Amino acid sequence: MKEYRRKQLLERVNREAATIGASIPETIEVQGEPIDLQEFVFEIKRRDAVPPGERERVERAKRNLRRERIERLGRIETGEVSYETGVELADAIIGIDRALDALESLDPADLETEARRQDAVDTKRWMNFLKQALGREDASSGRT
């Protein structure tokens, strides 16, 4: 895959509004095991709150989805896949992000946990901004 295409895909998946209008994949393979992701998310979201017996299942699913996202993102970052495969990976990552957003929006365990999560999101957003700003600055000044 050409470098500029790889960067386009990475920018696409890291864009703050990437999940707007995106749908949750019907099924997705996580660590070699197919999961009915859309059904799982909708089943959990139908309830007002996650029952205590389901909380561990939801947390495990979120951990696995985050792990899968990192793995797929790494495949794009290395650039050792074709552009077509990269597009498929990017689509899957955005779908995973959409599912994670839906699962994260369930009643927060407590305000302190929610505040930490929001701080992490803000920090990620700030770091992405700095990377883009510094990357553009370096490119325009002729430095690499």
N, C-alpha and C. Protein backbone atom coordinates (compact mmCIF):
# COMPACT_ATOMS: atom_id res chain seq x y z
N MET A 1 0.85 -1.17 0.00
CA MET A 1 0.00 0.00 0.00
C MET A 1 0.89 1.23 0.00
N LYS A 2 0.49 2.21 -0.76
CA LYS A 2 1.26 3.46 -0.82
C LYS A 2 1.10 4.24 0.48
N GLU A 3 2.15 4.95 0.83
CA GLU A 3 2.19 5.67 2.10
C GLU A 3 1.04 6.67 2.25
N TYR A 4 0.72 7.42 1.21
CA TYR A 4 -0.34 8.43 1.33
C TYR A 4 -1.70 7.76 1.55
N ARG A 5 -1.91 6.59 0.95
CA ARG A 5 -3.17 5.87 1.17
C ARG A 5 -3.25 5.34 2.60
N ARG A 6 -2.13 4.86 3.10
CA ARG A 6 -2.07 4.37 4.48
C ARG A 6 -2.40 5.50 5.44
N LYS A 7 -1.84 6.67 5.19
CA LYS A 7 -2.11 7.84 6.04
C LYS A 7 -3.58 8.25 5.96
N GLN A 8 -4.16 8.16 4.77
CA GLN A 8 -5.58 8.49 4.62
C GLN A 8 -6.45 7.56 5.47
N LEU A 9 -6.13 6.27 5.41
CA LEU A 9 -6.91 5.31 6.19
C LEU A 9 -6.75 5.55 7.69
N LEU A 10 -5.53 5.84 8.12
CA LEU A 10 -5.29 6.10 9.54
C LEU A 10 -6.02 7.37 9.99
N GLU A 11 -6.01 8.38 9.14
CA GLU A 11 -6.72 9.62 9.47
C GLU A 11 -8.21 9.34 9.56
N ARG A 12 -8.71 8.52 8.67
CA ARG A 12 -10.14 8.20 8.64
C ARG A 12 -10.58 7.51 9.93
N VAL A 13 -9.82 6.52 10.39
CA VAL A 13 -10.23 5.79 11.59
C VAL A 13 -10.01 6.60 12.87
N ASN A 14 -9.09 7.55 12.84
CA ASN A 14 -8.82 8.35 14.03
C ASN A 14 -9.61 9.65 14.06
N ARG A 15 -10.36 9.93 13.02
CA ARG A 15 -11.18 11.14 12.98
C ARG A 15 -12.21 11.08 14.09
N GLU A 16 -12.38 12.21 14.77
CA GLU A 16 -13.28 12.26 15.92
C GLU A 16 -14.71 11.88 15.55
N ALA A 17 -15.17 12.29 14.40
CA ALA A 17 -16.56 12.04 14.00
C ALA A 17 -16.69 10.82 13.08
N ALA A 18 -15.72 9.94 13.10
CA ALA A 18 -15.71 8.79 12.19
C ALA A 18 -16.93 7.89 12.37
N THR A 19 -17.44 7.79 13.58
CA THR A 19 -18.54 6.86 13.82
C THR A 19 -19.92 7.44 13.51
N ILE A 20 -19.97 8.74 13.21
CA ILE A 20 -21.27 9.34 12.89
C ILE A 20 -21.77 8.74 11.59
N GLY A 21 -22.95 8.19 11.65
CA GLY A 21 -23.55 7.56 10.47
C GLY A 21 -23.06 6.14 10.21
N ALA A 22 -22.07 5.70 10.97
CA ALA A 22 -21.54 4.34 10.80
C ALA A 22 -22.46 3.35 11.49
N SER A 23 -22.51 2.16 10.95
CA SER A 23 -23.34 1.14 11.58
C SER A 23 -22.46 0.10 12.26
N ILE A 24 -23.04 -0.54 13.22
CA ILE A 24 -22.34 -1.61 13.94
C ILE A 24 -22.37 -2.84 13.05
N PRO A 25 -21.22 -3.48 12.83
CA PRO A 25 -21.21 -4.69 11.99
C PRO A 25 -22.14 -5.77 12.55
N GLU A 26 -22.82 -6.46 11.65
CA GLU A 26 -23.72 -7.53 12.07
C GLU A 26 -22.94 -8.61 12.81
N THR A 27 -21.86 -9.07 12.18
CA THR A 27 -20.97 -10.03 12.84
C THR A 27 -19.54 -9.55 12.64
N ILE A 28 -18.69 -9.95 13.55
CA ILE A 28 -17.27 -9.60 13.45
C ILE A 28 -16.48 -10.74 14.08
N GLU A 29 -15.32 -10.98 13.54
CA GLU A 29 -14.46 -12.02 14.10
C GLU A 29 -13.50 -11.36 15.08
N VAL A 30 -13.57 -11.80 16.33
CA VAL A 30 -12.71 -11.27 17.38
C VAL A 30 -11.88 -12.43 17.91
N GLN A 31 -10.59 -12.31 17.74
CA GLN A 31 -9.64 -13.33 18.16
C GLN A 31 -10.03 -14.70 17.61
N GLY A 32 -10.38 -14.72 16.33
CA GLY A 32 -10.68 -15.96 15.64
C GLY A 32 -12.07 -16.53 15.89
N GLU A 33 -12.89 -15.80 16.65
CA GLU A 33 -14.22 -16.29 16.98
C GLU A 33 -15.29 -15.31 16.47
N PRO A 34 -16.24 -15.80 15.66
CA PRO A 34 -17.28 -14.89 15.17
C PRO A 34 -18.25 -14.49 16.29
N ILE A 35 -18.60 -13.20 16.30
CA ILE A 35 -19.50 -12.66 17.31
C ILE A 35 -20.61 -11.90 16.60
N ASP A 36 -21.85 -12.13 17.03
CA ASP A 36 -22.99 -11.38 16.51
C ASP A 36 -23.00 -10.03 17.23
N LEU A 37 -22.15 -9.12 16.76
CA LEU A 37 -21.91 -7.86 17.47
C LEU A 37 -23.16 -6.98 17.51
N GLN A 38 -23.81 -6.81 16.38
CA GLN A 38 -24.97 -5.94 16.32
C GLN A 38 -26.06 -6.43 17.28
N GLU A 39 -26.33 -7.71 17.24
CA GLU A 39 -27.35 -8.30 18.12
C GLU A 39 -26.98 -8.10 19.59
N PHE A 40 -25.70 -8.33 19.92
CA PHE A 40 -25.23 -8.18 21.30
C PHE A 40 -25.43 -6.75 21.79
N VAL A 41 -25.00 -5.78 20.98
CA VAL A 41 -25.10 -4.37 21.39
C VAL A 41 -26.56 -3.97 21.54
N PHE A 42 -27.40 -4.34 20.57
CA PHE A 42 -28.81 -3.96 20.65
C PHE A 42 -29.50 -4.64 21.84
N GLU A 43 -29.12 -5.87 22.12
CA GLU A 43 -29.70 -6.58 23.27
C GLU A 43 -29.36 -5.84 24.57
N ILE A 44 -28.12 -5.42 24.72
CA ILE A 44 -27.69 -4.72 25.92
C ILE A 44 -28.30 -3.33 26.00
N LYS A 45 -28.36 -2.63 24.86
CA LYS A 45 -28.88 -1.26 24.83
C LYS A 45 -30.39 -1.20 25.09
N ARG A 46 -31.12 -2.27 24.81
CA ARG A 46 -32.57 -2.29 25.03
C ARG A 46 -32.92 -2.09 26.50
N ARG A 47 -32.03 -2.48 27.35
CA ARG A 47 -32.28 -2.37 28.79
C ARG A 47 -31.91 -0.96 29.26
N ASP A 48 -32.55 -0.50 30.30
CA ASP A 48 -32.22 0.82 30.83
C ASP A 48 -30.85 0.84 31.48
N ALA A 49 -30.49 -0.26 32.10
CA ALA A 49 -29.20 -0.39 32.76
C ALA A 49 -28.72 -1.82 32.60
N VAL A 50 -27.42 -1.99 32.68
CA VAL A 50 -26.85 -3.34 32.56
C VAL A 50 -27.05 -4.06 33.89
N PRO A 51 -27.73 -5.20 33.86
CA PRO A 51 -27.92 -5.96 35.11
C PRO A 51 -26.57 -6.44 35.65
N PRO A 52 -26.45 -6.55 36.95
CA PRO A 52 -25.16 -6.96 37.54
C PRO A 52 -24.60 -8.25 36.94
N GLY A 53 -25.46 -9.20 36.60
CA GLY A 53 -24.99 -10.46 36.02
C GLY A 53 -24.41 -10.30 34.62
N GLU A 54 -24.81 -9.26 33.92
CA GLU A 54 -24.34 -9.02 32.55
C GLU A 54 -23.14 -8.07 32.50
N ARG A 55 -22.90 -7.36 33.59
CA ARG A 55 -21.85 -6.33 33.59
C ARG A 55 -20.49 -6.91 33.20
N GLU A 56 -20.12 -8.07 33.76
CA GLU A 56 -18.83 -8.68 33.43
C GLU A 56 -18.77 -9.07 31.96
N ARG A 57 -19.87 -9.59 31.44
CA ARG A 57 -19.94 -9.96 30.02
C ARG A 57 -19.72 -8.74 29.12
N VAL A 58 -20.34 -7.62 29.48
CA VAL A 58 -20.19 -6.38 28.71
C VAL A 58 -18.75 -5.88 28.80
N GLU A 59 -18.18 -5.89 30.00
CA GLU A 59 -16.80 -5.43 30.18
C GLU A 59 -15.82 -6.31 29.40
N ARG A 60 -16.05 -7.62 29.41
CA ARG A 60 -15.20 -8.54 28.64
C ARG A 60 -15.31 -8.24 27.15
N ALA A 61 -16.54 -8.00 26.68
CA ALA A 61 -16.75 -7.69 25.27
C ALA A 61 -16.03 -6.40 24.90
N LYS A 62 -16.10 -5.39 25.75
CA LYS A 62 -15.41 -4.12 25.46
C LYS A 62 -13.90 -4.32 25.41
N ARG A 63 -13.36 -5.10 26.34
CA ARG A 63 -11.91 -5.37 26.32
C ARG A 63 -11.51 -6.08 25.03
N ASN A 64 -12.29 -7.09 24.64
CA ASN A 64 -11.98 -7.82 23.41
C ASN A 64 -12.09 -6.94 22.18
N LEU A 65 -13.08 -6.07 22.15
CA LEU A 65 -13.24 -5.17 21.01
C LEU A 65 -12.09 -4.17 20.94
N ARG A 66 -11.66 -3.66 22.09
CA ARG A 66 -10.51 -2.74 22.09
C ARG A 66 -9.25 -3.45 21.60
N ARG A 67 -9.05 -4.68 22.05
CA ARG A 67 -7.90 -5.47 21.62
C ARG A 67 -7.94 -5.70 20.11
N GLU A 68 -9.12 -6.05 19.60
CA GLU A 68 -9.28 -6.29 18.16
C GLU A 68 -9.04 -5.01 17.37
N ARG A 69 -9.50 -3.88 17.89
CA ARG A 69 -9.29 -2.59 17.23
C ARG A 69 -7.79 -2.30 17.11
N ILE A 70 -7.07 -2.49 18.19
CA ILE A 70 -5.62 -2.25 18.20
C ILE A 70 -4.92 -3.14 17.18
N GLU A 71 -5.32 -4.41 17.15
CA GLU A 71 -4.70 -5.36 16.21
C GLU A 71 -4.95 -4.94 14.76
N ARG A 72 -6.19 -4.58 14.44
CA ARG A 72 -6.51 -4.17 13.07
C ARG A 72 -5.84 -2.85 12.70
N LEU A 73 -5.80 -1.92 13.64
CA LEU A 73 -5.13 -0.65 13.39
C LEU A 73 -3.65 -0.89 13.13
N GLY A 74 -3.05 -1.80 13.88
CA GLY A 74 -1.64 -2.13 13.68
C GLY A 74 -1.37 -2.67 12.28
N ARG A 75 -2.30 -3.44 11.75
CA ARG A 75 -2.13 -3.97 10.40
C ARG A 75 -2.13 -2.84 9.37
N ILE A 76 -2.94 -1.81 9.59
CA ILE A 76 -2.94 -0.67 8.68
C ILE A 76 -1.65 0.13 8.87
N GLU A 77 -1.24 0.32 10.12
CA GLU A 77 -0.05 1.13 10.41
C GLU A 77 1.20 0.54 9.78
N THR A 78 1.30 -0.77 9.74
CA THR A 78 2.50 -1.36 9.15
C THR A 78 2.50 -1.22 7.64
N GLY A 79 1.33 -1.06 7.05
CA GLY A 79 1.23 -0.88 5.60
C GLY A 79 1.52 -2.15 4.81
N GLU A 80 1.52 -3.29 5.48
CA GLU A 80 1.85 -4.55 4.81
C GLU A 80 0.62 -5.25 4.21
N VAL A 81 -0.50 -4.52 4.13
CA VAL A 81 -1.71 -5.06 3.53
C VAL A 81 -2.02 -4.25 2.27
N SER A 82 -2.84 -4.83 1.41
CA SER A 82 -3.24 -4.09 0.22
C SER A 82 -4.18 -2.97 0.62
N TYR A 83 -4.38 -2.01 -0.28
CA TYR A 83 -5.28 -0.90 0.01
C TYR A 83 -6.70 -1.42 0.24
N GLU A 84 -7.13 -2.39 -0.56
CA GLU A 84 -8.47 -2.94 -0.41
C GLU A 84 -8.66 -3.57 0.98
N THR A 85 -7.67 -4.32 1.41
CA THR A 85 -7.72 -4.91 2.75
C THR A 85 -7.69 -3.81 3.80
N GLY A 86 -6.90 -2.78 3.56
CA GLY A 86 -6.85 -1.64 4.48
C GLY A 86 -8.19 -0.96 4.63
N VAL A 87 -8.92 -0.81 3.52
CA VAL A 87 -10.26 -0.21 3.56
C VAL A 87 -11.20 -1.09 4.39
N GLU A 88 -11.12 -2.41 4.18
CA GLU A 88 -11.95 -3.34 4.96
C GLU A 88 -11.61 -3.25 6.44
N LEU A 89 -10.32 -3.16 6.76
CA LEU A 89 -9.90 -3.03 8.15
C LEU A 89 -10.41 -1.72 8.75
N ALA A 90 -10.30 -0.62 7.98
CA ALA A 90 -10.77 0.68 8.45
C ALA A 90 -12.27 0.65 8.71
N ASP A 91 -13.04 0.05 7.79
CA ASP A 91 -14.49 -0.06 7.99
C ASP A 91 -14.80 -0.84 9.26
N ALA A 92 -14.07 -1.93 9.47
CA ALA A 92 -14.29 -2.75 10.66
C ALA A 92 -13.93 -1.98 11.93
N ILE A 93 -12.84 -1.22 11.88
CA ILE A 93 -12.42 -0.43 13.05
C ILE A 93 -13.49 0.60 13.40
N ILE A 94 -14.02 1.25 12.39
CA ILE A 94 -15.07 2.25 12.63
C ILE A 94 -16.32 1.58 13.20
N GLY A 95 -16.65 0.40 12.71
CA GLY A 95 -17.77 -0.35 13.26
C GLY A 95 -17.53 -0.76 14.71
N ILE A 96 -16.30 -1.16 15.01
CA ILE A 96 -15.93 -1.51 16.38
C ILE A 96 -16.06 -0.28 17.27
N ASP A 97 -15.57 0.86 16.77
CA ASP A 97 -15.67 2.10 17.53
C ASP A 97 -17.13 2.45 17.81
N ARG A 98 -17.98 2.24 16.82
CA ARG A 98 -19.41 2.53 16.98
C ARG A 98 -20.01 1.62 18.06
N ALA A 99 -19.65 0.35 18.05
CA ALA A 99 -20.13 -0.58 19.07
C ALA A 99 -19.60 -0.19 20.44
N LEU A 100 -18.33 0.18 20.52
CA LEU A 100 -17.75 0.60 21.79
C LEU A 100 -18.44 1.86 22.32
N ASP A 101 -18.72 2.81 21.43
CA ASP A 101 -19.44 4.02 21.84
C ASP A 101 -20.79 3.66 22.45
N ALA A 102 -21.50 2.75 21.79
CA ALA A 102 -22.81 2.33 22.28
C ALA A 102 -22.70 1.65 23.64
N LEU A 103 -21.70 0.80 23.80
CA LEU A 103 -21.53 0.08 25.06
C LEU A 103 -21.03 1.01 26.17
N GLU A 104 -20.20 1.97 25.82
CA GLU A 104 -19.69 2.92 26.81
C GLU A 104 -20.77 3.86 27.29
N SER A 105 -21.79 4.10 26.47
CA SER A 105 -22.83 5.05 26.84
C SER A 105 -23.84 4.46 27.83
N LEU A 106 -23.71 3.17 28.13
CA LEU A 106 -24.59 2.57 29.13
C LEU A 106 -24.29 3.19 30.48
N ASP A 107 -25.23 3.12 31.39
CA ASP A 107 -25.09 3.81 32.67
C ASP A 107 -23.68 3.65 33.24
N PRO A 108 -22.99 4.77 33.45
CA PRO A 108 -21.65 4.68 34.00
C PRO A 108 -21.69 4.11 35.42
N ALA A 109 -20.64 3.37 35.75
CA ALA A 109 -20.59 2.74 37.07
C ALA A 109 -20.64 3.80 38.16
N ASP A 110 -19.90 4.86 37.99
CA ASP A 110 -19.95 5.98 38.93
C ASP A 110 -19.37 7.21 38.26
N LEU A 111 -19.54 8.35 38.89
CA LEU A 111 -19.08 9.61 38.29
C LEU A 111 -17.56 9.67 38.17
N GLU A 112 -16.86 9.09 39.11
CA GLU A 112 -15.40 9.11 39.06
C GLU A 112 -14.89 8.31 37.85
N THR A 113 -15.45 7.15 37.60
CA THR A 113 -15.06 6.33 36.46
C THR A 113 -15.38 7.07 35.16
N GLU A 114 -16.54 7.68 35.10
CA GLU A 114 -16.93 8.43 33.90
C GLU A 114 -16.00 9.62 33.67
N ALA A 115 -15.61 10.30 34.74
CA ALA A 115 -14.68 11.43 34.62
C ALA A 115 -13.33 10.98 34.10
N ARG A 116 -12.83 9.84 34.60
CA ARG A 116 -11.55 9.30 34.11
C ARG A 116 -11.64 8.93 32.63
N ARG A 117 -12.76 8.32 32.24
CA ARG A 117 -12.95 7.94 30.84
C ARG A 117 -12.98 9.18 29.96
N GLN A 118 -13.68 10.22 30.41
CA GLN A 118 -13.77 11.46 29.63
C GLN A 118 -12.40 12.12 29.53
N ASP A 119 -11.62 12.10 30.61
CA ASP A 119 -10.26 12.65 30.58
C ASP A 119 -9.41 11.90 29.55
N ALA A 120 -9.55 10.59 29.51
CA ALA A 120 -8.79 9.79 28.55
C ALA A 120 -9.18 10.15 27.12
N VAL A 121 -10.48 10.32 26.87
CA VAL A 121 -10.95 10.70 25.54
C VAL A 121 -10.40 12.08 25.17
N ASP A 122 -10.46 13.02 26.11
CA ASP A 122 -9.95 14.37 25.85
C ASP A 122 -8.45 14.35 25.57
N THR A 123 -7.72 13.55 26.34
CA THR A 123 -6.27 13.44 26.13
C THR A 123 -5.97 12.87 24.76
N LYS A 124 -6.70 11.84 24.36
CA LYS A 124 -6.50 11.25 23.03
C LYS A 124 -6.79 12.28 21.94
N ARG A 125 -7.88 13.01 22.10
CA ARG A 125 -8.25 14.03 21.12
C ARG A 125 -7.14 15.08 21.01
N TRP A 126 -6.61 15.52 22.16
CA TRP A 126 -5.55 16.53 22.19
C TRP A 126 -4.27 16.00 21.53
N MET A 127 -3.92 14.74 21.83
CA MET A 127 -2.71 14.16 21.23
C MET A 127 -2.86 14.02 19.72
N ASN A 128 -4.04 13.62 19.24
CA ASN A 128 -4.27 13.54 17.80
C ASN A 128 -4.14 14.92 17.16
N PHE A 129 -4.67 15.93 17.83
CA PHE A 129 -4.55 17.29 17.31
C PHE A 129 -3.09 17.70 17.22
N LEU A 130 -2.32 17.43 18.28
CA LEU A 130 -0.91 17.80 18.28
C LEU A 130 -0.13 17.06 17.19
N LYS A 131 -0.42 15.77 17.02
CA LYS A 131 0.26 14.99 15.98
C LYS A 131 -0.02 15.59 14.61
N GLN A 132 -1.29 15.94 14.36
CA GLN A 132 -1.64 16.53 13.07
C GLN A 132 -0.99 17.89 12.90
N ALA A 133 -1.04 18.71 13.94
CA ALA A 133 -0.48 20.05 13.85
C ALA A 133 1.03 19.99 13.64
N LEU A 134 1.71 19.15 14.39
CA LEU A 134 3.16 19.04 14.26
C LEU A 134 3.55 18.38 12.95
N GLY A 135 2.75 17.42 12.52
CA GLY A 135 3.03 16.76 11.24
C GLY A 135 2.92 17.72 10.08
N ARG A 136 1.91 18.55 10.08
CA ARG A 136 1.74 19.57 9.03
C ARG A 136 2.82 20.61 9.12
N GLU A 137 3.19 21.01 10.35
CA GLU A 137 4.23 22.01 10.53
C GLU A 137 5.56 21.49 9.98
N ASP A 138 5.86 20.22 10.32
CA ASP A 138 7.11 19.62 9.82
C ASP A 138 7.10 19.52 8.31
N ALA A 139 5.95 19.15 7.72
CA ALA A 139 5.87 18.99 6.27
C ALA A 139 6.04 20.33 5.57
N SER A 140 5.48 21.41 6.12
CA SER A 140 5.56 22.70 5.46
C SER A 140 6.92 23.34 5.63
N SER A 141 7.66 22.97 6.67
CA SER A 141 8.98 23.57 6.87
C SER A 141 10.08 22.78 6.17
N GLY A 142 9.72 21.65 5.57
CA GLY A 142 10.69 20.86 4.85
C GLY A 142 11.38 19.83 5.71
N ARG A 143 11.07 19.81 7.02
CA ARG A 143 11.66 18.80 7.90
C ARG A 143 10.84 17.53 7.83
N THR A 144 11.46 16.39 8.12
CA THR A 144 10.73 15.11 8.14
C THR A 144 10.85 14.45 9.46
